[in-house]
Amino acid sequence: MRKERSPGFKLFMAAAIGLALIIPLSIVYLLVSDRQHQSRVAQDNITQGWGGAQVVTGPVLVVPYDQERQISEQQGDRTVTRTVTERRELYLSAEQQTINAGLEPETRSYSIYQTVTYLASLDGTSRFALPADFERLGVDREDLLFDEAELRFGASDARGLQSGAEVTANGTPVELKPGRGPNASGNSGFHGFFDWSESEPLELTWSYSVRGSRSIAIVPRGGESTIIVTSPWPHPSFGGDFIPDTKEVAEEGFTASWSVTNLALNEALVRLEDPGPPTIREAEDARFYSSADTNSGQSRAASIRLIEPVDVYNQVDRSVKYGFLFIGFTFLAFLMFDLIAGARVAAAEYLLTGVGLVLFFVLLLAFSEVIGFALAYVVASAAVIGLLTAYSAAVLSSWKRSGVIGALLVGLYALLYILLSLEAYSLIIGSLLLFVALAAVMYATRSIDWSSVAVREDKPKGEGEQTPQVTAS
């Protein structure tokens, strides 16, 4: 005969071990983050020499001018004023422009990691004209050096620029040179000088190709910009400051178009300052482009990401966050068998079961990197369900009871997969599940005296029915 722990103590023990298992769950969470970082590093290695995420911008017409400015200097006891001539630049955006971009994607691999690269073929037309009221900026027409006009095109990662770029101004080819791109692309890209002495409306046609990876951001500049992007990649993600006016996404690829005016850009057609690059923020799996405020000197951009259909790290990361549900429901089942059916469950048995549940997420992460998330989920869940079902047969002294544990785990893993698939409704489904579980536990334990202590005769596990309990308050 020995004194049995009270139901309240058993509940406390199970809860304490469950809380302690938050530590290994947190370690798994950090492991997912570390593997995701390693994946990013591997992806950067894959794209090294090819081209990274690109920011491209259409042509900007730059006209230099000389401006005199007076400066005062203190020389001894007197102030000397002198006049200096400074070279400055006037930046003109197109009155109308059309940008067509065709993205040819390719998946490249390194070891177990892979990333999406692309070859972007861009072409378009632009029309420039000198506004009649540009002198309101304090620039005199006679100061403008039209014979030194310059066209600038932007590509943020110049490693991706390909040969064959062509630009014609009013039917005349423009000789192109590297560098000196617009500020929106970090001054990376290419440029060409031409003589615009007549300062008549300028019609441009241009085309060039650039290699990149994962995402591309197109900076519209002009009175009215029309952007059309097509690609055979079936999984685009649109972001930045402008969503497409129209888009068609199918298994064969996507087509998207934007129509952006300078009113939406909050930019004048002629400026004394060249807007800077759009803000770069990290998205879930790639660099994404957006800008918060053009008043701060930043450009606005329309962004397209070529995403993987299933991001294994995000899926595993989300599944780890549901780890407490697996531990809680499994421990709850063990506790009910202990309190109601008389099966004694020791602290070590709770702990080993919890470690097995945590191990599922490690297996899921390891296999997902190699065989994909869906198949890895089946393999990892089958292994853990088989392990814990067999172990609970010994713990609960019954294969019938262990079958209940196995069925519970099957239901939990199936439910988790559904929750991962229905991201928008995962919270409401999870909260309803917790409510139902709490109601069931409250009903099943409504007659238990949580402070009672029982005395029972020790018997080896598996020798039939337990000795009836004698309760002493």
Foldseek 3Di string as FASTA:
>chain_A
DDWFDFLLVLVVLLVVLLVVLVVLLVVLLVVLVVVLVVLVVVACVQCVLAAAAKEKEAKKKKWKFKDKDWDWDDDPPDIDIDIDIDIAIKIFFFQEKEKEKEWEWDWDDDDLHIFIKTKIKIKMKTKTADDPPPCVVVDDPVRTQQQFMKMAIAILTQSFWDPDKWKAKVNHTFDKDFFCHFQQSVRGDIMTTHHCPVRHMIMMIIITMGMYTFKYKYFYTHQKYKYKYWYQQQDKDKDADDDFPDKDHDNRTMMTMHIDGVVSFVDDRMDRDGAHHFDWDDDPRGIWGYHDDCVVRYTTIIMMGRDDPDDLSVLLSVLSVCLSVLLVVLSLLVSLCCQPVVQDADSVNSNVLSVLSSVLSVQQSVVCSHPNNPVSLVVSLVVSLVVQLVSVCQRRLHNVSSVVSSVVSVVVSVLSVVCSVCVVCNVVVVVVVVVVVVVVSCVSCVPRDSNWMWDFDDDDRNPDGGDDTDIDD
